[in-house]
């Protein structure tokens, strides 16, 4: 995966130590954390530093490729790709609440999706969202994902299983 991806308004780059405080501030928000499978709540600076510290190794091992989403003001969220044992790659993203409704999730996920499709093939890209997160569903369908079913997925923040609508990229490689 490329180290940096650029869009019209955003820069996607590897996470760095300098992102920890901003990450902790934006992620320590129930409205964000409750819509994500793996984000704990409350979210502390120590958690942010630990997570950022593991990124380089995960990237090198091809396990996960996480990008900081940066607008002209700085860090606003993350977008990433996680490898699964079955050969699929799952795209995920979140944007801090002060930056919602600006199209950042669509723009960042679109850039990552193009890079991932070139590297792994469109047929291996999956995603999903919790049943009540209609905004994320719109982002993914706009990018070409189609619903494939549903499953129960553990949400760390909620400490319970949540109904998750699963999706797969529908378009073919050109």
Protein backbone atom coordinates (compact mmCIF):
# COMPACT_ATOMS: atom_id res chain seq x y z
CA UNK A 1 0.00 0.00 0.00
CA UNK A 2 1.19 3.50 -0.70
CA UNK A 3 2.50 5.46 2.28
CA UNK A 4 0.37 8.50 1.41
CA UNK A 5 -2.82 8.98 -0.53
CA UNK A 6 -4.00 12.43 -1.59
CA UNK A 7 -7.46 13.59 -2.53
CA UNK A 8 -8.81 17.00 -3.46
CA UNK A 9 -9.16 18.03 0.20
CA UNK A 10 -7.45 15.34 2.26
CA UNK A 11 -4.14 13.67 2.93
CA UNK A 12 -4.16 10.06 4.11
CA UNK A 13 -0.87 9.17 5.78
CA UNK A 14 0.46 6.66 8.30
CA UNK A 15 -0.38 7.38 11.94
CA UNK A 16 2.36 8.98 14.00
CA UNK A 17 3.07 9.74 17.66
CA UNK A 18 2.05 13.36 17.10
CA UNK A 19 -1.52 12.15 16.36
CA UNK A 20 -2.05 10.56 19.78
CA UNK A 21 -3.58 13.49 21.66
CA UNK A 22 -5.92 14.48 18.85
CA UNK A 23 -6.86 10.83 18.29
CA UNK A 24 -7.70 10.41 21.98
CA UNK A 25 -9.78 13.61 22.00
CA UNK A 26 -11.83 12.74 18.91
CA UNK A 27 -12.19 9.03 19.70
CA UNK A 28 -13.31 9.60 23.29
CA UNK A 29 -16.82 10.31 22.05
CA UNK A 30 -19.72 7.91 22.59
CA UNK A 31 -21.32 8.93 19.28
CA UNK A 32 -18.19 7.75 17.45
CA UNK A 33 -17.18 4.73 19.54
CA UNK A 34 -20.64 3.11 19.67
CA UNK A 35 -20.65 2.79 15.87
CA UNK A 36 -17.28 0.98 15.67
CA UNK A 37 -16.49 -2.64 16.46
CA UNK A 38 -13.02 -2.28 17.91
CA UNK A 39 -12.89 1.15 19.56
CA UNK A 40 -13.13 1.15 23.36
CA UNK A 41 -14.96 3.81 25.31
CA UNK A 42 -13.86 5.78 27.19
CA UNK A 43 -10.78 6.21 25.00
CA UNK A 44 -7.60 7.42 26.70
CA UNK A 45 -4.32 8.94 25.59
CA UNK A 46 -2.53 5.73 26.67
CA UNK A 47 -4.83 3.71 24.37
CA UNK A 48 -4.09 6.06 21.48
CA UNK A 49 -0.33 5.86 22.04
CA UNK A 50 -0.42 2.07 22.29
CA UNK A 51 -2.51 1.69 19.13
CA UNK A 52 -0.34 4.09 17.14
CA UNK A 53 2.76 2.26 18.39
CA UNK A 54 1.53 -1.01 16.82
CA UNK A 55 0.74 0.46 13.40
CA UNK A 56 4.18 0.13 11.78
CA UNK A 57 4.46 -3.58 12.60
CA UNK A 58 0.91 -4.32 11.41
CA UNK A 59 1.59 -2.46 8.16
CA UNK A 60 4.88 -4.31 7.59
CA UNK A 61 3.19 -7.67 8.19
CA UNK A 62 0.37 -6.81 5.79
CA UNK A 63 -2.14 -7.30 8.60
CA UNK A 64 -3.60 -3.80 8.67
CA UNK A 65 -3.01 -0.52 6.84
CA UNK A 66 -4.32 2.45 8.82
CA UNK A 67 -4.17 6.00 7.58
CA UNK A 68 -4.65 9.24 9.47
CA UNK A 69 -7.16 11.41 7.66
CA UNK A 70 -5.87 14.96 7.61
CA UNK A 71 -7.65 18.05 6.31
CA UNK A 72 -6.19 21.58 6.29
CA UNK A 73 -6.71 21.75 10.07
CA UNK A 74 -4.92 18.47 10.91
CA UNK A 75 -6.01 15.00 12.03
CA UNK A 76 -9.78 14.39 11.72
CA UNK A 77 -10.13 10.58 11.77
CA UNK A 78 -8.81 7.33 10.36
CA UNK A 79 -9.38 5.07 7.40
CA UNK A 80 -7.91 1.61 7.12
CA UNK A 81 -7.84 -1.81 5.61
CA UNK A 82 -7.66 -5.03 7.63
CA UNK A 83 -6.61 -8.38 6.13
CA UNK A 84 -8.68 -11.46 7.00
CA UNK A 85 -7.57 -15.11 6.93
CA UNK A 86 -9.96 -15.89 4.04
CA UNK A 87 -8.14 -13.47 1.73
CA UNK A 88 -10.66 -10.66 1.99
CA UNK A 89 -9.73 -7.15 3.08
CA UNK A 90 -12.14 -5.09 5.14
CA UNK A 91 -12.27 -1.32 4.82
CA UNK A 92 -13.23 0.76 7.82
CA UNK A 93 -13.19 4.43 8.74
CA UNK A 94 -14.36 7.00 11.22
CA UNK A 95 -14.32 10.78 11.37
CA UNK A 96 -14.47 12.87 14.54
CA UNK A 97 -17.90 14.34 15.24
CA UNK A 98 -16.85 17.99 14.66
CA UNK A 99 -16.06 16.96 11.05
CA UNK A 100 -19.24 15.04 10.23
CA UNK A 101 -21.34 15.94 7.19
CA UNK A 102 -18.42 17.30 5.18
CA UNK A 103 -17.92 14.27 2.94
CA UNK A 104 -14.58 13.33 4.53
CA UNK A 105 -15.49 9.69 5.12
CA UNK A 106 -16.57 9.21 1.49
CA UNK A 107 -13.51 11.01 0.14
CA UNK A 108 -11.02 9.14 2.35
CA UNK A 109 -12.64 5.73 1.88
CA UNK A 110 -12.81 6.31 -1.88
CA UNK A 111 -9.07 7.00 -2.05
CA UNK A 112 -8.25 3.94 0.04
CA UNK A 113 -10.68 1.82 -1.94
CA UNK A 114 -9.00 2.71 -5.24
CA UNK A 115 -5.57 1.80 -3.83
CA UNK A 116 -6.88 -1.43 -2.27
CA UNK A 117 -8.73 -2.53 -5.43
CA UNK A 118 -5.54 -2.02 -7.46
CA UNK A 119 -3.51 -4.05 -4.97
CA UNK A 120 -5.93 -6.78 -3.86
CA UNK A 121 -8.70 -6.82 -6.47
CA UNK A 122 -12.23 -5.52 -6.12
CA UNK A 123 -13.64 -8.95 -5.35
CA UNK A 124 -11.79 -9.22 -2.06
CA UNK A 125 -13.03 -5.97 -0.50
CA UNK A 126 -15.69 -6.12 2.19
CA UNK A 127 -17.14 -3.81 4.79
CA UNK A 128 -20.17 -3.37 6.96
CA UNK A 129 -21.88 -1.13 9.45
CA UNK A 130 -24.02 -1.43 12.53
CA UNK A 131 -27.71 -1.53 11.66
CA UNK A 132 -28.45 1.98 12.93
CA UNK A 133 -25.50 3.68 11.21
CA UNK A 134 -27.32 4.72 8.04
CA UNK A 135 -24.70 7.36 7.21
CA UNK A 136 -22.00 4.73 6.90
CA UNK A 137 -24.33 2.63 4.74
CA UNK A 138 -24.73 5.58 2.36
CA UNK A 139 -20.95 6.10 2.21
CA UNK A 140 -20.36 2.44 1.32
CA UNK A 141 -23.16 2.13 -1.26
CA UNK A 142 -21.93 5.33 -2.92
CA UNK A 143 -18.52 3.64 -3.24
CA UNK A 144 -19.99 0.56 -4.94
CA UNK A 145 -20.55 -1.79 -1.99
CA UNK A 146 -23.70 -3.90 -1.94
CA UNK A 147 -25.37 -5.65 0.98
CA UNK A 148 -24.65 -9.36 1.36
CA UNK A 149 -26.29 -10.17 4.67
CA UNK A 150 -25.99 -9.54 8.35
CA UNK A 151 -24.15 -10.91 11.36
CA UNK A 152 -23.77 -10.26 15.02
CA UNK A 153 -20.56 -8.34 15.72
CA UNK A 154 -19.01 -7.51 19.07
CA UNK A 155 -18.80 -3.80 19.88
CA UNK A 156 -16.07 -3.07 22.40
CA UNK A 157 -17.55 0.30 23.41
CA UNK A 158 -21.05 -1.09 24.01
CA UNK A 159 -19.76 -4.37 25.44
CA UNK A 160 -22.40 -6.29 23.53
CA UNK A 161 -23.10 -7.94 20.19
CA UNK A 162 -24.70 -5.61 17.67
CA UNK A 163 -26.47 -6.39 14.41
CA UNK A 164 -24.05 -5.61 11.58
CA UNK A 165 -25.07 -5.33 7.93
CA UNK A 166 -22.34 -6.90 5.80
CA UNK A 167 -21.28 -5.63 2.38
CA UNK A 168 -18.97 -6.52 -0.52
CA UNK A 169 -17.63 -4.33 -3.29
CA UNK A 170 -19.84 -5.03 -6.27
CA UNK A 171 -17.96 -3.46 -9.15
CA UNK A 172 -15.41 -5.35 -11.18
CA UNK A 173 -11.86 -4.33 -11.90
CA UNK A 174 -11.38 -2.29 -15.06
